[in-house]
Protein backbone atom coordinates (compact mmCIF):
# COMPACT_ATOMS: atom_id res chain seq x y z
CA MET A 1 -14.55 18.54 -21.23
CA SER A 2 -12.10 21.43 -20.87
CA LEU A 3 -9.31 20.04 -18.74
CA GLN A 4 -6.13 20.65 -20.66
CA GLY A 5 -5.03 23.87 -18.98
CA GLU A 6 -5.47 22.43 -15.48
CA THR A 7 -3.79 19.08 -16.12
CA THR A 8 -1.19 19.53 -18.85
CA THR A 9 0.73 22.08 -20.86
CA ASP A 10 1.98 19.35 -23.21
CA ALA A 11 -0.11 19.58 -26.40
CA ARG A 12 0.43 15.85 -27.04
CA LEU A 13 -2.00 15.12 -24.20
CA ASN A 14 -4.80 17.41 -25.34
CA PHE A 15 -6.50 14.49 -27.10
CA PHE A 16 -6.47 12.44 -23.89
CA PHE A 17 -8.12 15.00 -21.66
CA GLY A 18 -10.39 16.22 -24.47
CA ALA A 19 -11.64 12.79 -25.55
CA ALA A 20 -15.38 12.26 -25.29
CA SER A 21 -15.01 8.84 -23.67
CA GLU A 22 -12.50 6.83 -21.64
CA GLU A 23 -12.25 4.35 -24.54
CA GLN A 24 -11.20 7.09 -26.95
CA ALA A 25 -8.71 8.45 -24.41
CA LEU A 26 -7.14 4.98 -24.02
CA ASP A 27 -6.91 4.52 -27.79
CA GLY A 28 -5.17 7.87 -28.11
CA PHE A 29 -2.74 7.10 -25.31
CA HIS A 30 -1.78 3.79 -26.90
CA LEU A 31 -1.03 5.54 -30.20
CA LEU A 32 1.10 8.10 -28.37
CA TRP A 33 2.95 5.31 -26.54
CA GLU A 34 3.70 3.38 -29.73
CA SER A 35 4.67 6.45 -31.76
CA THR A 36 6.64 8.44 -29.21
CA LEU A 37 6.97 7.29 -25.61
CA VAL A 38 8.27 3.76 -26.15
CA GLU A 39 11.07 5.18 -28.33
CA LYS A 40 12.45 6.82 -25.20
CA VAL A 41 11.62 4.19 -22.57
CA ARG A 42 12.73 1.03 -24.41
CA PRO A 43 16.31 2.13 -25.35
CA TYR A 44 16.82 3.38 -21.80
CA LEU A 45 15.79 0.03 -20.30
CA GLN A 46 17.89 -1.84 -22.89
CA SER A 47 20.94 0.08 -21.68
CA GLN A 48 20.52 -1.39 -18.18
CA GLN A 49 22.15 -4.64 -17.10
CA ILE A 50 18.96 -6.54 -16.34
CA HIS A 51 17.37 -9.73 -17.66
CA ALA A 52 15.22 -9.37 -20.80
CA ASP A 53 12.12 -10.63 -18.96
CA ALA A 54 12.57 -8.05 -16.19
CA ARG A 55 13.13 -5.34 -18.80
CA SER A 56 9.93 -6.32 -20.61
CA GLU A 57 7.97 -6.34 -17.35
CA ILE A 58 9.24 -2.89 -16.37
CA GLU A 59 8.29 -1.54 -19.81
CA THR A 60 4.78 -2.94 -19.42
CA GLU A 61 4.49 -1.59 -15.88
CA THR A 62 5.67 1.83 -17.09
CA TYR A 63 2.89 1.86 -19.68
CA LEU A 64 0.34 0.88 -17.05
CA ARG A 65 1.62 3.32 -14.44
CA VAL A 66 1.55 6.32 -16.79
CA CYS A 67 -1.82 5.34 -18.26
CA ASN A 68 -3.30 4.71 -14.82
CA SER A 69 -2.01 8.04 -13.56
CA LEU A 70 -3.49 9.92 -16.53
CA LEU A 71 -6.82 8.16 -16.08
CA HIS A 72 -6.77 9.17 -12.43
CA TRP A 73 -6.13 12.80 -13.40
CA ARG A 74 -8.87 12.68 -16.01
CA ALA A 75 -11.41 11.35 -13.50
CA LYS A 76 -10.40 13.81 -10.76
CA ALA A 77 -10.30 16.87 -13.04
CA ASP A 78 -14.07 17.29 -13.08
CA GLU A 79 -14.36 17.03 -9.30
CA ALA A 80 -14.27 20.29 -7.35
CA PRO A 81 -11.33 20.07 -4.89
CA THR A 82 -12.02 20.48 -1.21
CA PRO A 83 -10.29 23.34 0.68
CA THR A 84 -8.01 20.73 2.31
CA GLN A 85 -7.00 19.29 -1.07
CA GLN A 86 -6.35 22.77 -2.42
CA ALA A 87 -4.11 23.59 0.54
CA THR A 88 -2.23 20.30 0.87
CA SER A 89 -1.95 18.68 -2.55
CA PRO A 90 -1.89 21.16 -5.43
CA LYS A 91 -1.31 19.41 -8.76
CA ALA A 92 1.27 20.85 -11.11
CA PRO A 93 0.33 20.26 -14.77
CA ILE A 94 2.31 17.73 -16.82
CA THR A 95 4.71 19.75 -18.94
CA ASP A 96 6.49 16.89 -20.74
CA ILE A 97 4.83 13.49 -21.13
CA GLN A 98 8.07 11.91 -22.39
CA GLY A 99 9.89 13.05 -19.27
CA TYR A 100 6.96 11.86 -17.18
CA ALA A 101 7.15 8.38 -18.75
CA MET A 102 10.93 8.24 -18.28
CA ALA A 103 10.57 9.18 -14.62
CA ALA A 104 8.03 6.37 -14.21
CA ALA A 105 10.44 3.89 -15.85
CA ARG A 106 13.27 4.99 -13.57
CA GLY A 107 10.98 4.68 -10.54
CA LEU A 108 10.13 1.09 -11.45
CA LEU A 109 13.78 0.32 -12.20
CA TYR A 110 14.68 1.77 -8.79
CA ASN A 111 12.22 -0.58 -7.07
CA TYR A 112 13.53 -3.51 -9.13
CA PHE A 113 17.11 -2.91 -8.05
CA LEU A 114 16.03 -2.53 -4.43
CA ALA A 115 14.26 -5.89 -4.62
CA GLN A 116 17.35 -7.49 -6.17
CA ASN A 117 19.65 -6.16 -3.45
CA PRO A 118 18.07 -6.91 -0.05
CA ALA A 119 21.34 -6.45 1.88
CA TRP A 120 21.83 -2.99 0.37
CA ARG A 121 18.21 -2.16 1.08
CA ARG A 122 18.39 -3.17 4.75
CA LEU A 123 21.58 -1.19 5.24
CA GLN A 124 20.01 1.82 3.50
CA LEU A 125 17.16 1.75 6.03
CA ARG A 126 19.63 1.71 8.93
CA VAL A 127 21.58 4.60 7.39
CA ILE A 128 18.40 6.65 6.88
CA SER A 129 17.29 5.95 10.44
CA HIS A 130 20.56 7.33 11.87
CA LEU A 131 20.54 10.33 9.53
CA LYS A 132 16.99 11.25 10.49
CA GLN A 133 17.86 11.26 14.17
CA GLY A 134 20.08 14.24 13.37
CA ASP A 135 22.47 13.63 16.26
CA ARG A 136 26.00 13.60 14.85
CA VAL A 137 25.01 12.99 11.23
CA THR A 138 22.01 14.20 9.27
CA ARG A 139 20.74 14.57 5.72
CA TRP A 140 19.33 17.31 3.51
CA LYS A 141 18.02 17.50 -0.04
CA GLN A 142 19.89 18.99 -2.95
CA GLU A 143 18.11 18.89 -6.32
CA PHE A 144 15.83 16.02 -5.27
CA ARG A 145 18.74 13.92 -3.94
CA TRP A 146 19.65 13.28 -0.32
CA LEU A 147 23.06 14.38 0.90
CA ALA A 148 24.43 12.91 4.14
CA GLY A 149 26.85 14.84 6.32
CA LEU A 150 27.79 15.99 9.77
CA THR A 151 25.07 18.06 11.42
CA ALA A 152 27.35 21.13 11.34
CA TRP A 153 27.53 20.82 7.55
CA ALA A 154 23.76 20.84 6.94
CA GLY A 155 22.92 22.58 3.66
CA THR A 156 26.46 22.51 2.23
CA PRO A 157 27.21 20.89 -1.15
CA PHE A 158 29.42 17.91 -2.04
CA ARG A 159 33.02 19.15 -2.05
CA ALA A 160 35.35 16.14 -1.82
CA LYS A 161 38.52 17.12 -3.67
CA SER A 162 41.49 15.84 -1.68
CA ALA A 163 43.58 12.92 -2.89
CA ARG A 164 42.53 10.72 0.00
CA ALA A 165 38.86 11.55 -0.59
CA GLN A 166 39.18 10.66 -4.27
CA ALA A 167 40.92 7.40 -3.38
CA PHE A 168 38.13 6.48 -0.98
CA LEU A 169 35.42 7.37 -3.50
CA SER A 170 37.23 5.18 -6.04
CA GLU A 171 36.84 2.30 -3.56
CA ASP A 172 40.49 2.28 -2.51
CA TYR A 173 39.92 1.89 1.22
CA ALA A 174 43.44 0.88 2.32
CA ALA A 175 44.40 4.30 3.73
CA PHE A 176 41.00 4.74 5.38
CA ARG A 177 41.15 1.33 7.04
CA GLN A 178 44.53 2.20 8.49
CA GLY A 179 44.08 5.89 9.31
CA GLY A 180 40.32 6.31 9.67
CA LEU A 181 39.50 3.00 11.31
CA GLN A 182 42.80 2.44 13.11
CA ASN A 183 42.74 -1.08 11.67
CA GLN A 184 39.43 -1.88 13.38
CA GLU A 185 36.87 -3.94 11.50
CA PRO A 186 33.88 -1.80 10.34
CA GLY A 187 31.50 -4.30 11.91
CA GLU A 188 33.00 -3.55 15.32
CA ILE A 189 32.12 0.17 15.05
CA GLU A 190 28.68 1.64 15.71
CA LEU A 191 27.10 2.69 12.41
CA ALA A 192 26.68 6.40 13.22
CA ASP A 193 30.33 6.54 14.33
CA LEU A 194 31.44 4.76 11.15
CA MET A 195 29.53 7.28 9.02
CA CYS A 196 31.14 10.14 10.93
CA ARG A 197 34.60 8.69 10.28
CA ILE A 198 33.91 8.36 6.55
CA LEU A 199 32.59 11.90 6.25
CA LEU A 200 35.49 13.36 8.22
CA TRP A 201 37.95 11.36 6.12
CA ILE A 202 36.66 12.77 2.83
CA ASP A 203 35.87 16.14 4.49
CA SER A 204 32.63 16.47 2.56
CA PRO A 205 28.97 15.53 2.56
CA LEU A 206 28.20 12.47 0.42
CA TRP A 207 25.11 11.33 -1.46
CA GLN A 208 23.07 9.10 0.83
CA ASN A 209 22.91 6.16 -1.57
CA ARG A 210 26.59 6.41 -2.41
CA LEU A 211 27.40 6.42 1.31
CA THR A 212 25.32 3.24 1.68
CA GLY A 213 27.27 1.63 -1.17
CA HIS A 214 30.64 2.44 0.40
CA LEU A 215 29.49 1.10 3.76
CA LEU A 216 28.42 -2.14 2.11
CA LYS A 217 31.84 -2.44 0.44
CA LEU A 218 33.59 -1.80 3.75
CA TYR A 219 31.47 -4.54 5.31
CA ARG A 220 32.70 -6.72 2.40
CA GLN A 221 29.20 -7.37 1.16
CA GLU A 222 28.33 -7.31 -2.52
CA ALA A 223 25.50 -5.61 -4.41
CA SER A 224 24.56 -5.97 -8.09
CA LEU A 225 23.80 -2.30 -8.69
CA PRO A 226 24.58 -0.69 -12.08
CA LEU A 227 26.96 2.19 -12.66
CA SER A 228 23.96 4.45 -13.32
CA TRP A 229 22.48 3.71 -9.87
CA GLU A 230 22.83 7.30 -8.65
CA GLU A 231 20.76 8.63 -11.55
CA ILE A 232 18.19 5.84 -11.23
CA SER A 233 17.83 6.19 -7.47
CA ALA A 234 17.45 9.97 -7.62
CA ASP A 235 14.71 9.82 -10.25
CA GLY A 236 13.18 6.77 -8.61
CA GLU A 237 12.79 8.53 -5.28
CA ARG A 238 11.39 11.61 -7.03
CA GLN A 239 8.88 9.55 -9.03
CA ASP A 240 7.72 7.68 -5.93
CA GLU A 241 6.97 11.00 -4.24
CA SER A 242 5.20 12.31 -7.36
CA LEU A 243 2.95 9.26 -7.66
CA TRP A 244 2.19 9.43 -3.96
CA ASN A 245 0.90 12.99 -4.38
CA GLU A 246 -1.21 11.98 -7.38
CA GLY A 247 -3.04 8.97 -6.06
CA MET A 248 -2.06 7.39 -2.79
CA GLU A 249 -3.73 10.02 -0.64
CA VAL A 250 -6.96 8.07 -1.26
CA PHE A 251 -5.85 5.45 1.29
CA VAL A 252 -7.37 7.28 4.24
CA ALA A 253 -9.93 9.71 2.90
CA THR A 254 -10.64 11.34 6.27
CA LYS A 255 -6.98 12.30 6.78
CA GLN A 256 -5.10 15.14 5.11
CA THR A 257 -2.09 12.90 4.47
CA LEU A 258 -1.19 9.32 5.17
CA ARG A 259 1.71 10.51 7.29
CA GLU A 260 -0.70 12.23 9.67
CA ALA A 261 -2.73 9.04 9.85
CA LEU A 262 0.32 6.93 10.61
CA CYS A 263 1.53 9.36 13.26
CA GLN A 264 -1.73 9.11 15.22
CA ASP A 265 -1.38 5.79 17.01
CA GLY A 266 -4.44 3.60 17.35
CA LEU A 267 -6.80 5.68 15.17
CA LEU A 268 -6.72 3.50 12.03
CA SER A 269 -9.32 0.79 11.45
CA ARG A 270 -8.20 -2.70 10.53
CA GLN A 271 -9.38 -2.13 6.96
CA GLN A 272 -7.38 1.12 6.72
CA ARG A 273 -4.29 -0.60 8.08
CA GLY A 274 -4.82 -3.38 5.54
CA VAL A 275 -4.97 -0.94 2.64
CA ILE A 276 -1.77 0.76 3.79
CA LEU A 277 0.11 -2.54 4.04
CA LEU A 278 -1.27 -3.58 0.65
CA LYS A 279 0.11 -0.52 -1.16
CA LEU A 280 2.91 0.99 0.91
CA ASP A 281 6.44 0.47 -0.41
CA ILE A 282 9.68 1.22 1.39
CA ALA A 283 10.66 4.14 -0.86
CA THR A 284 7.37 5.89 -0.07
CA LEU A 285 7.62 5.11 3.64
CA THR A 286 11.15 6.41 4.18
CA GLY A 287 11.40 8.91 1.32
CA GLY A 288 7.91 10.24 0.72
CA LEU A 289 6.67 10.04 4.31
CA GLY A 290 9.93 10.25 6.23
CA LEU A 291 9.02 7.51 8.70
CA THR A 292 11.03 4.61 10.08
CA LEU A 293 9.87 1.01 10.02
CA SER A 294 9.45 1.08 13.79
CA GLN A 295 7.22 4.17 13.62
CA ALA A 296 5.06 2.65 10.89
CA ALA A 297 4.75 -0.70 12.69
CA LYS A 298 3.70 1.02 15.91
CA SER A 299 1.00 3.03 14.12
CA LEU A 300 -0.21 -0.06 12.27
CA GLU A 301 -0.36 -1.89 15.63
CA ILE A 302 1.89 -4.73 14.54
CA ASP A 303 5.31 -5.95 15.59
CA VAL A 304 8.11 -4.61 13.37
CA ASP A 305 9.27 -8.20 12.78
CA ALA A 306 5.95 -8.87 11.04
CA LEU A 307 7.13 -6.63 8.21
CA PHE A 308 9.81 -9.19 7.31
CA GLY A 309 9.52 -12.66 5.80
CA ALA A 310 11.19 -15.83 7.06
CA ASP A 311 14.19 -15.12 4.81
CA GLY A 312 14.64 -11.63 6.27
CA ASP A 313 13.33 -9.77 3.22
CA LEU A 314 11.09 -6.76 3.79
CA LEU A 315 7.46 -7.48 2.83
CA LEU A 316 6.32 -4.08 1.61
CA PRO A 317 4.00 -3.92 -0.22
CA MET A 318 2.62 -6.87 1.75
CA PRO A 319 0.77 -9.79 0.09
CA ASP A 320 -2.98 -9.66 0.75
CA ASN A 321 -3.11 -13.16 2.26
CA ARG A 322 -0.45 -12.21 4.81
CA ILE A 323 -2.35 -9.02 5.65
CA ALA A 324 -5.53 -11.01 6.17
CA THR A 325 -3.74 -13.37 8.58
CA LEU A 326 -1.88 -10.57 10.38
CA LEU A 327 -4.93 -8.35 10.92
CA ASP A 328 -7.55 -11.11 11.06
CA ILE A 329 -9.65 -9.63 8.27
CA ASP A 330 -11.10 -10.88 4.99
CA ALA A 331 -8.47 -10.36 2.28
CA THR A 332 -11.15 -9.21 -0.16
CA LYS A 333 -12.04 -6.31 2.16
CA THR A 334 -8.57 -4.76 2.39
CA ILE A 335 -9.32 -2.47 -0.54
CA THR A 336 -11.60 0.51 0.03
CA ALA A 337 -14.14 1.74 -2.50
CA THR A 338 -11.84 4.57 -3.56
CA GLU A 339 -8.92 2.20 -4.04
CA ARG A 340 -11.15 -0.06 -6.14
CA VAL A 341 -11.60 2.87 -8.54
CA SER A 342 -7.83 3.19 -8.93
CA THR A 343 -7.56 -0.60 -9.36
CA TYR A 344 -10.28 -0.40 -12.03
CA TYR A 345 -8.23 2.14 -13.98
CA ARG A 346 -5.19 -0.09 -13.83
CA MET A 347 -7.12 -3.20 -14.90
CA THR A 348 -8.81 -1.26 -17.71
CA ALA A 349 -5.39 -0.18 -19.01
CA ARG A 350 -4.00 -3.72 -18.67
CA ARG A 351 -6.96 -5.30 -20.51
CA LYS A 352 -6.60 -2.73 -23.26
CA LEU A 353 -2.86 -3.40 -23.54
CA GLU A 354 -3.39 -7.19 -23.68
CA HIS A 355 -6.02 -6.70 -26.39
CA TRP A 356 -3.63 -4.61 -28.51
CA LEU A 357 -0.79 -7.13 -28.02
CA GLN A 358 -3.01 -10.02 -29.11
CA ASN A 359 -4.20 -8.17 -32.21
CA SER A 360 -0.67 -7.20 -33.17
CA GLY A 361 0.40 -10.87 -33.09
């Protein structure tokens, strides 16, 4: 099997793609994890202010995510790509497996912090929705991170240097409340207008997630996000997009991309809609696909309120029993044959990991 050149330029992975069997590849990956990768991932997670159990779970999920992704690459490498796949989803080789594992860890940490901060998450969705409308405010990417700004500023970098901008960014909002809001309560101002006032006050674009954080503070709501949130969120969004390109296109095999499928109302079968709800997370929906919740709900032929639980939390990915009830289908049939292959890889990696943990005491 001569796959190395097409899938990796990192010599540490040559054994994985050159192994004669999947079992040998898994054994080699575990040795690489224990000898090299965990030495990077574990200290990074230990530096975060999260519970030990959550930290352990993220480490395990990082192992499984990287292993599952490599298994997917290994299986796909022997298949001749279709012209559509060649045109729409070229795969760049892995150049640094340590960096790849760290990006996976940050992606999982990003999703963990989103789950722990539902108020921040809901506000982020509202902010993104307004920015994507591109009326008075919009957003653009700079080095994988989203900048928010006035539409006239599109493409310009962060440049906040004035004393009042620095005070605002340091969460001293007294002058802004008096001069920028004219002593109005933020909740009394339409969100797009409030964003405009903030951006004009600091006279600069602002990172999308940081803007969301300042809005939450102005609304006097709290979030338990770490100081390193900007780094985590940037890499988390990037990793979500990377993993989407690697595996999630299998959801709807007859479509070039899931976004095209979701944008064609009424053309998805119930089983296809079930698979999408089973796997789709909010970071992929808004970041990777660039769709709003309303757009996705319309294409999935459900009410947008059905995406939320009784407590107001967003249910994406959605539990299979809820999907079965919502779409009136057998929960065991919400996974397609192609998705079962990916699930098999994940379960194979998990069984192997559990076996090694048991043997190591």
